[in-house]
Amino acid sequence: MKNILANKLTYAFLMTGLLSGGIGWAVGSADDDGAVASVNGEKISQDRLYGLLADQGGSELVDYLITEEIINQESEKKKITVSDADVDKEYQTIVESYGGEEAFLQQIEASGGSAEAVKEELKTNLKIEKLLEPEIDISEDEMKTYFEENKESLSEPEQVNASHILVEDEAAAKEVKSKLDGGADFAELAKEYSTDTSNSGNGGELGYFAKGEMTAAFEEKAFSMKEGEISDPVKTEFGYHIIKFEDKKAAVPAVYAEKKEEIKEALFDQKMQTAYTGWMEEKKEEYEIQNSLES
């Protein structure tokens, strides 16, 4: 489910950004005098760098590493393992939720992270799930209540499948529409004219989308069209669109029996967030921990 993925991905981004912005500073090697840089011969020492790191989030970074070590040691005690296949499955699900790996990598790189760092965080998250799973109970009544409260979001909304050609001005839009009226191929014209580079290469295909996912004028027109119809130019804040209607999927109401696993996963994720905080506090009390950066 999207909300579960969002929680996992936010967690991964935070940790990836924290580590790349903190520990990553100290990865480089110092010279023989213990300096990491110099200005006009005045050396900047590794100790000075470490002090800055400690002042600007060092305690949080150490606490993160302590937490990770507790999770690893608890996993070893319980003989819990997470396979590469498990991690890859989680990773691919997240990638798909972002519309593909290119868009996903742009997002994590903008946060100062990498795919490998996110995978490591997902691996840790999977260990947490396995450690806490025996302690989390979900009743049938809870699932039914969740279903009733979230029936609308669990249902599949009406969706339209369409393609479009986006151009900058009305004159270009009229030119394209004239060619289409004359029998030109829509996909070929999309490749030639469309300024929407995210889909022009595949003939302007947008795939299925529900109401609320597109800009208002575009959506209003698309949902009013019939199969095979090509619209007149539609003006939006992005320019002028010519829309080709492919087909439509009717709304499908949610059925409890079909959504039980999805609901159980959502409730588990909610409870895990709460259970994890208490569980980690207990483990920190049990373990002998020394943190020299704690004030």
Protein backbone atom coordinates (compact mmCIF):
# COMPACT_ATOMS: atom_id res chain seq x y z
CA MET A 1 0.00 0.00 0.00
CA LYS A 2 1.14 3.53 -0.72
CA ASN A 3 1.09 4.72 2.89
CA ILE A 4 3.28 1.82 3.96
CA LEU A 5 5.73 2.50 1.18
CA ALA A 6 5.81 6.16 2.05
CA ASN A 7 6.74 5.37 5.65
CA LYS A 8 9.48 3.00 4.61
CA LEU A 9 10.85 5.36 2.00
CA THR A 10 10.81 8.37 4.31
CA TYR A 11 12.75 6.32 6.85
CA ALA A 12 15.26 5.28 4.21
CA PHE A 13 15.69 8.83 2.89
CA LEU A 14 16.21 10.26 6.37
CA MET A 15 18.87 7.76 7.28
CA THR A 16 20.54 7.93 3.88
CA GLY A 17 20.66 11.72 3.97
CA LEU A 18 21.84 11.77 7.57
CA LEU A 19 24.68 9.39 6.91
CA SER A 20 25.74 10.95 3.62
CA GLY A 21 25.63 14.40 5.18
CA GLY A 22 27.45 13.39 8.34
CA ILE A 23 29.59 10.27 8.43
CA GLY A 24 30.36 10.76 4.75
CA TRP A 25 32.40 13.87 5.60
CA ALA A 26 34.95 11.78 7.42
CA VAL A 27 35.39 9.11 4.79
CA GLY A 28 38.38 10.77 3.11
CA SER A 29 41.85 10.10 4.48
CA ALA A 30 44.01 12.67 6.29
CA ASP A 31 47.65 13.35 5.46
CA ASP A 32 50.59 12.22 7.60
CA ASP A 33 50.08 15.16 9.96
CA GLY A 34 46.43 14.30 10.53
CA ALA A 35 45.20 17.18 8.36
CA VAL A 36 42.25 16.87 6.00
CA ALA A 37 42.89 20.21 4.23
CA SER A 38 45.02 23.35 4.36
CA VAL A 39 44.66 27.05 3.49
CA ASN A 40 47.87 28.93 2.68
CA GLY A 41 49.74 26.24 4.57
CA GLU A 42 47.48 26.47 7.64
CA LYS A 43 46.29 22.91 8.25
CA ILE A 44 42.73 21.90 9.08
CA SER A 45 43.02 18.88 11.33
CA GLN A 46 41.02 15.72 11.35
CA ASP A 47 40.21 16.44 15.02
CA ARG A 48 38.70 19.78 13.99
CA LEU A 49 36.55 18.02 11.41
CA TYR A 50 35.48 15.43 13.97
CA GLY A 51 34.56 18.19 16.43
CA LEU A 52 32.40 19.90 13.83
CA LEU A 53 30.73 16.60 12.98
CA ALA A 54 30.06 15.93 16.65
CA ASP A 55 28.55 19.39 17.15
CA GLN A 56 26.34 19.21 14.06
CA GLY A 57 24.41 16.00 14.54
CA GLY A 58 27.15 13.70 15.78
CA SER A 59 25.11 12.50 18.74
CA GLU A 60 22.16 11.61 16.47
CA LEU A 61 24.45 9.74 14.12
CA VAL A 62 25.97 7.70 16.93
CA ASP A 63 22.51 6.96 18.32
CA TYR A 64 21.46 5.74 14.86
CA LEU A 65 24.48 3.40 14.72
CA ILE A 66 23.73 2.12 18.24
CA THR A 67 20.14 1.44 17.23
CA GLU A 68 21.26 -0.39 14.10
CA GLU A 69 23.69 -2.51 16.12
CA ILE A 70 20.96 -3.49 18.60
CA ILE A 71 18.73 -4.55 15.70
CA ASN A 72 21.55 -6.64 14.22
CA GLN A 73 22.38 -8.31 17.53
CA GLU A 74 18.71 -9.06 18.28
CA SER A 75 18.35 -10.52 14.77
CA GLU A 76 21.32 -12.80 15.38
CA LYS A 77 19.86 -13.95 18.70
CA LYS A 78 16.53 -14.79 17.07
CA LYS A 79 18.25 -16.27 13.99
CA ILE A 80 16.47 -13.77 11.76
CA THR A 81 17.84 -13.29 8.28
CA VAL A 82 16.80 -11.10 5.37
CA SER A 83 17.68 -12.31 1.88
CA ASP A 84 18.75 -10.15 -1.05
CA ALA A 85 15.58 -11.29 -2.79
CA ASP A 86 13.47 -9.90 0.09
CA VAL A 87 15.25 -6.56 -0.14
CA ASP A 88 14.99 -6.44 -3.93
CA LYS A 89 11.26 -7.12 -3.74
CA GLU A 90 10.76 -4.18 -1.35
CA TYR A 91 13.01 -1.98 -3.45
CA GLN A 92 11.21 -2.76 -6.70
CA THR A 93 7.82 -2.08 -5.12
CA ILE A 94 9.04 1.37 -4.07
CA VAL A 95 10.62 2.03 -7.46
CA GLU A 96 7.31 1.21 -9.18
CA SER A 97 5.45 3.58 -6.86
CA TYR A 98 7.69 6.37 -8.18
CA GLY A 99 6.97 5.54 -11.81
CA GLY A 100 10.25 3.77 -12.52
CA GLU A 101 13.87 3.63 -11.44
CA GLU A 102 14.93 6.83 -13.21
CA ALA A 103 12.46 8.99 -11.27
CA PHE A 104 13.25 7.16 -8.04
CA LEU A 105 17.02 7.59 -8.39
CA GLN A 106 16.57 11.30 -9.11
CA GLN A 107 14.67 11.61 -5.84
CA ILE A 108 17.16 9.79 -3.64
CA GLU A 109 20.17 11.44 -5.28
CA ALA A 110 18.57 14.84 -4.62
CA SER A 111 18.43 13.77 -0.95
CA GLY A 112 22.13 12.95 -1.00
CA GLY A 113 21.63 9.19 -1.01
CA SER A 114 22.04 6.19 -3.26
CA ALA A 115 20.14 3.06 -4.23
CA GLU A 116 22.53 0.87 -2.22
CA ALA A 117 22.07 2.97 0.92
CA VAL A 118 18.29 2.74 0.58
CA LYS A 119 18.54 -1.03 0.19
CA GLU A 120 20.55 -1.24 3.40
CA GLU A 121 17.87 0.72 5.24
CA LEU A 122 15.14 -1.50 3.78
CA LYS A 123 17.08 -4.53 4.99
CA THR A 124 17.13 -3.06 8.50
CA ASN A 125 13.42 -2.29 8.28
CA LEU A 126 12.67 -5.89 7.27
CA LYS A 127 14.62 -7.14 10.28
CA ILE A 128 12.54 -4.88 12.53
CA GLU A 129 9.33 -6.26 11.02
CA LYS A 130 10.43 -9.84 11.66
CA LEU A 131 11.52 -9.03 15.22
CA LEU A 132 8.24 -7.35 16.11
CA GLU A 133 5.84 -9.59 14.19
CA PRO A 134 5.32 -12.09 17.08
CA GLU A 135 4.36 -9.21 19.40
CA ILE A 136 1.70 -7.67 17.15
CA ASP A 137 -1.85 -9.06 17.09
CA ILE A 138 -4.50 -7.95 14.62
CA SER A 139 -8.09 -9.05 15.20
CA GLU A 140 -10.85 -9.63 12.69
CA ASP A 141 -12.87 -6.84 14.31
CA GLU A 142 -9.98 -4.39 13.83
CA MET A 143 -9.74 -5.32 10.15
CA LYS A 144 -13.49 -4.91 9.61
CA THR A 145 -13.46 -1.53 11.34
CA TYR A 146 -10.53 -0.39 9.19
CA PHE A 147 -12.38 -1.55 6.07
CA GLU A 148 -15.50 0.43 6.94
CA GLU A 149 -13.49 3.55 7.78
CA ASN A 150 -11.37 3.35 4.62
CA LYS A 151 -13.79 1.80 2.13
CA GLU A 152 -13.53 4.70 -0.29
CA SER A 153 -9.72 4.66 -0.49
CA LEU A 154 -9.70 0.86 -0.77
CA SER A 155 -12.05 0.99 -3.75
CA GLU A 156 -10.75 1.38 -7.29
CA PRO A 157 -11.93 4.71 -8.76
CA GLU A 158 -13.11 5.28 -12.31
CA GLN A 159 -10.05 5.60 -14.54
CA VAL A 160 -9.35 6.86 -18.04
CA ASN A 161 -6.59 5.68 -20.37
CA ALA A 162 -5.45 8.45 -22.70
CA SER A 163 -2.58 9.87 -24.74
CA HIS A 164 -1.76 13.49 -25.39
CA ILE A 165 0.31 15.87 -27.46
CA LEU A 166 1.45 18.96 -25.57
CA VAL A 167 2.59 22.09 -27.43
CA GLU A 168 3.45 25.61 -26.31
CA ASP A 169 0.94 27.73 -28.21
CA GLU A 170 -2.47 27.63 -29.86
CA ALA A 171 -1.08 27.95 -33.39
CA ALA A 172 1.02 24.79 -32.99
CA ALA A 173 -1.96 23.00 -31.44
CA LYS A 174 -4.19 23.88 -34.40
CA GLU A 175 -1.51 22.71 -36.80
CA VAL A 176 -1.27 19.34 -35.07
CA LYS A 177 -5.07 18.99 -34.89
CA SER A 178 -5.35 19.76 -38.62
CA LYS A 179 -2.86 16.99 -39.41
CA LEU A 180 -4.77 14.56 -37.20
CA ASP A 181 -8.03 15.46 -38.92
CA GLY A 182 -6.26 14.70 -42.18
CA GLY A 183 -5.45 11.17 -41.05
CA ALA A 184 -1.94 11.58 -39.58
CA ASP A 185 -0.85 9.07 -36.94
CA PHE A 186 -1.29 10.37 -33.38
CA ALA A 187 1.73 8.56 -31.95
CA GLU A 188 4.04 9.82 -34.69
CA LEU A 189 2.88 13.40 -34.22
CA ALA A 190 3.42 13.07 -30.46
CA LYS A 191 7.02 12.06 -31.09
CA GLU A 192 7.49 14.99 -33.48
CA TYR A 193 5.63 17.80 -31.73
CA SER A 194 5.00 17.05 -28.05
CA THR A 195 7.02 18.99 -25.50
CA ASP A 196 6.16 16.48 -22.78
CA THR A 197 9.39 14.50 -22.98
CA SER A 198 8.25 12.09 -20.27
CA ASN A 199 5.94 10.34 -22.76
CA SER A 200 6.46 11.81 -26.26
CA GLY A 201 8.80 8.94 -27.12
CA ASN A 202 6.03 6.39 -26.61
CA GLY A 203 3.42 8.28 -28.58
CA GLY A 204 2.18 10.45 -25.73
CA GLU A 205 0.74 7.52 -23.75
CA LEU A 206 -0.29 8.51 -20.23
CA GLY A 207 -1.74 5.19 -19.13
CA TYR A 208 -4.69 5.01 -16.72
CA PHE A 209 -5.37 7.88 -14.31
CA ALA A 210 -8.16 8.70 -11.88
CA LYS A 211 -9.82 12.01 -11.11
CA GLY A 212 -7.59 14.29 -9.11
CA GLU A 213 -4.37 13.12 -10.77
CA MET A 214 -4.33 15.57 -13.69
CA THR A 215 -4.77 19.32 -13.96
CA ALA A 216 -8.47 20.31 -13.85
CA ALA A 217 -9.13 21.37 -17.47
CA PHE A 218 -7.31 18.32 -18.85
CA GLU A 219 -9.15 15.96 -16.52
CA GLU A 220 -12.57 17.44 -17.23
CA LYS A 221 -12.13 16.95 -20.95
CA ALA A 222 -10.57 13.47 -20.74
CA PHE A 223 -13.38 12.07 -18.57
CA SER A 224 -16.05 13.42 -20.93
CA MET A 225 -14.66 11.78 -24.08
CA LYS A 226 -15.56 8.56 -25.90
CA GLU A 227 -13.38 5.71 -27.16
CA GLY A 228 -11.24 6.72 -30.15
CA GLU A 229 -12.15 10.41 -29.86
CA ILE A 230 -9.47 13.07 -30.33
CA SER A 231 -10.10 16.42 -28.65
CA ASP A 232 -9.72 19.95 -29.87
CA PRO A 233 -6.84 21.82 -28.16
CA VAL A 234 -7.28 22.08 -24.40
CA LYS A 235 -5.50 24.95 -22.65
CA THR A 236 -3.86 24.39 -19.25
CA GLU A 237 -1.02 26.02 -17.35
CA PHE A 238 1.37 23.70 -19.21
CA GLY A 239 0.35 24.75 -22.72
CA TYR A 240 -2.12 23.28 -25.20
CA HIS A 241 -3.03 19.58 -25.14
CA ILE A 242 -4.62 17.43 -27.80
CA ILE A 243 -6.04 14.39 -26.06
CA LYS A 244 -6.71 10.96 -27.54
CA PHE A 245 -9.15 8.89 -25.50
CA GLU A 246 -8.24 5.19 -25.41
CA ASP A 247 -10.67 3.59 -22.97
CA LYS A 248 -12.18 3.81 -19.49
CA LYS A 249 -12.33 1.54 -16.45
CA ALA A 250 -15.46 1.69 -14.32
CA ALA A 251 -15.13 2.22 -10.58
CA VAL A 252 -14.89 -1.01 -8.56
CA PRO A 253 -16.22 -0.95 -4.96
CA ALA A 254 -14.00 -2.54 -2.33
CA VAL A 255 -14.90 -6.06 -1.16
CA TYR A 256 -13.73 -6.98 2.34
CA ALA A 257 -12.70 -10.55 1.50
CA GLU A 258 -10.51 -9.30 -1.36
CA LYS A 259 -8.87 -6.59 0.75
CA LYS A 260 -8.11 -8.53 3.94
CA GLU A 261 -4.39 -8.99 3.27
CA GLU A 262 -3.98 -5.37 2.28
CA ILE A 263 -5.81 -4.24 5.41
CA LYS A 264 -3.78 -6.56 7.63
CA GLU A 265 -0.56 -5.16 6.18
CA ALA A 266 -1.73 -1.58 6.78
CA LEU A 267 -2.71 -2.29 10.39
CA PHE A 268 0.53 -4.16 11.01
CA ASP A 269 2.52 -1.18 9.75
CA GLN A 270 0.58 1.20 11.99
CA LYS A 271 1.11 -0.97 15.05
CA MET A 272 4.75 -1.58 14.21
CA GLN A 273 5.50 2.15 14.30
CA THR A 274 4.13 2.33 17.85
CA ALA A 275 5.57 -0.97 19.04
CA TYR A 276 9.03 -0.22 17.72
CA THR A 277 9.54 2.84 19.94
CA GLY A 278 8.73 0.95 23.13
CA TRP A 279 10.68 -2.12 22.03
CA MET A 280 13.83 -0.12 21.28
CA GLU A 281 13.62 1.71 24.61
CA GLU A 282 13.46 -1.65 26.40
CA LYS A 283 16.43 -3.00 24.46
CA LYS A 284 18.53 0.07 25.22
CA GLU A 285 17.88 -0.58 28.91
CA GLU A 286 18.95 -4.21 28.54
CA TYR A 287 22.15 -3.55 26.62
CA GLU A 288 25.37 -2.10 28.02
CA ILE A 289 25.76 1.04 25.90
CA GLN A 290 28.50 3.65 26.00
CA ASN A 291 28.10 6.84 23.96
CA SER A 292 30.93 9.34 24.44
CA LEU A 293 28.99 12.06 22.61
CA GLU A 294 26.10 12.11 25.08
CA SER A 295 26.10 15.25 27.17
